[in-house]
Amino acid sequence: DMEYVGFDIVPSVIARHREAWPERNFLVADVSLIPPFKPFDVIFCRDVLQHLSFADVRRVLENFNRSGSKYLFVTFYSNKAGVVGGTLRLYI
């Protein structure tokens, strides 16, 4: 049996996910601000970090580390430039 908890800062995204997968737990949250949550076997951070400033990325990773989870898988668009929180960091 697997426990799944999904987080997103956008309420409409969470609403769509709750409708599509009612057996899973989805929460509206800013993962750079929430306190550490319980340990999981795996945290899968999908396409999140490229939307954040470097300071917010650091806070997110610190929260993940404090959670005591075993593994962290991260996907993102790479870029060398800094970004103000709430924008997308991509080369065009």
Protein backbone atom coordinates (compact mmCIF):
# COMPACT_ATOMS: atom_id res chain seq x y z
CA ASP A 1 0.00 0.00 0.00
CA MET A 2 1.32 3.45 -0.91
CA GLU A 3 0.57 6.78 0.71
CA TYR A 4 0.68 9.70 -1.74
CA VAL A 5 0.67 13.35 -0.69
CA GLY A 6 0.81 16.06 -3.36
CA PHE A 7 1.49 19.74 -2.78
CA ASP A 8 0.93 22.75 -5.02
CA ILE A 9 0.66 26.45 -4.34
CA VAL A 10 -2.15 26.87 -6.91
CA PRO A 11 -5.59 25.97 -5.49
CA SER A 12 -7.11 25.22 -8.91
CA VAL A 13 -4.38 22.67 -9.63
CA ILE A 14 -5.08 20.94 -6.32
CA ALA A 15 -8.82 20.96 -7.05
CA ARG A 16 -8.26 19.27 -10.42
CA HIS A 17 -5.97 16.66 -8.87
CA ARG A 18 -8.42 15.92 -6.05
CA GLU A 19 -11.14 15.36 -8.64
CA ALA A 20 -8.95 13.13 -10.82
CA TRP A 21 -7.45 11.10 -7.95
CA PRO A 22 -9.83 11.21 -4.95
CA GLU A 23 -7.98 8.36 -3.23
CA ARG A 24 -4.85 10.50 -2.92
CA ASN A 25 -4.13 13.39 -0.60
CA PHE A 26 -3.48 16.81 -2.20
CA LEU A 27 -2.75 19.96 -0.20
CA VAL A 28 -2.44 23.61 -1.14
CA ALA A 29 0.89 24.69 0.31
CA ASP A 30 4.02 26.70 -0.36
CA VAL A 31 6.76 24.11 0.14
CA SER A 32 9.29 26.88 0.82
CA LEU A 33 7.28 27.96 3.88
CA ILE A 34 5.63 24.87 5.35
CA PRO A 35 7.33 23.29 8.34
CA PRO A 36 9.00 19.93 7.85
CA PHE A 37 6.50 17.15 7.35
CA LYS A 38 6.83 13.51 8.25
CA PRO A 39 9.48 11.37 6.56
CA PHE A 40 8.62 9.70 3.27
CA ASP A 41 10.53 7.03 1.39
CA VAL A 42 10.67 9.36 -1.63
CA ILE A 43 9.97 13.01 -2.31
CA PHE A 44 9.36 13.64 -6.01
CA CYS A 45 9.73 17.36 -6.71
CA ARG A 46 8.49 17.79 -10.28
CA ASP A 47 8.97 21.04 -12.18
CA VAL A 48 8.94 23.27 -9.10
CA LEU A 49 12.37 24.73 -8.53
CA GLN A 50 12.63 26.64 -11.83
CA HIS A 51 9.74 28.84 -10.65
CA LEU A 52 11.54 29.92 -7.47
CA SER A 53 14.27 32.34 -6.52
CA PHE A 54 17.53 30.78 -5.40
CA ALA A 55 16.70 31.72 -1.79
CA ASP A 56 13.33 29.92 -2.05
CA VAL A 57 14.99 26.88 -3.65
CA ARG A 58 17.33 26.71 -0.68
CA ARG A 59 14.38 26.87 1.76
CA VAL A 60 12.54 24.12 -0.14
CA LEU A 61 15.59 21.84 -0.07
CA GLU A 62 16.17 22.57 3.62
CA ASN A 63 12.54 21.65 4.37
CA PHE A 64 12.91 18.41 2.39
CA ASN A 65 16.12 17.62 4.27
CA ARG A 66 14.53 18.33 7.66
CA SER A 67 11.67 15.99 6.81
CA GLY A 68 13.95 12.98 7.28
CA SER A 69 12.83 11.49 3.95
CA LYS A 70 15.16 8.92 2.37
CA TYR A 71 15.32 10.04 -1.26
CA LEU A 72 14.67 13.17 -3.28
CA PHE A 73 14.02 13.06 -7.02
CA VAL A 74 13.96 16.46 -8.73
CA THR A 75 13.00 17.46 -12.26
CA PHE A 76 13.35 21.01 -13.56
CA TYR A 77 14.32 23.19 -16.50
CA SER A 78 17.95 24.18 -16.11
CA ASN A 79 19.09 27.77 -16.32
CA LYS A 80 22.00 29.82 -15.04
CA ALA A 81 20.13 33.06 -14.32
CA GLY A 82 18.59 34.17 -11.02
CA VAL A 83 14.85 34.66 -10.84
CA VAL A 84 12.38 36.58 -8.72
CA GLY A 85 9.90 34.22 -7.05
CA GLY A 86 6.78 33.59 -9.10
CA THR A 87 8.40 33.76 -12.53
CA LEU A 88 9.77 31.08 -14.82
CA ARG A 89 13.51 30.64 -15.33
CA LEU A 90 14.01 29.54 -18.97
CA TYR A 91 16.20 30.46 -21.92
CA ILE A 92 14.17 31.48 -24.93
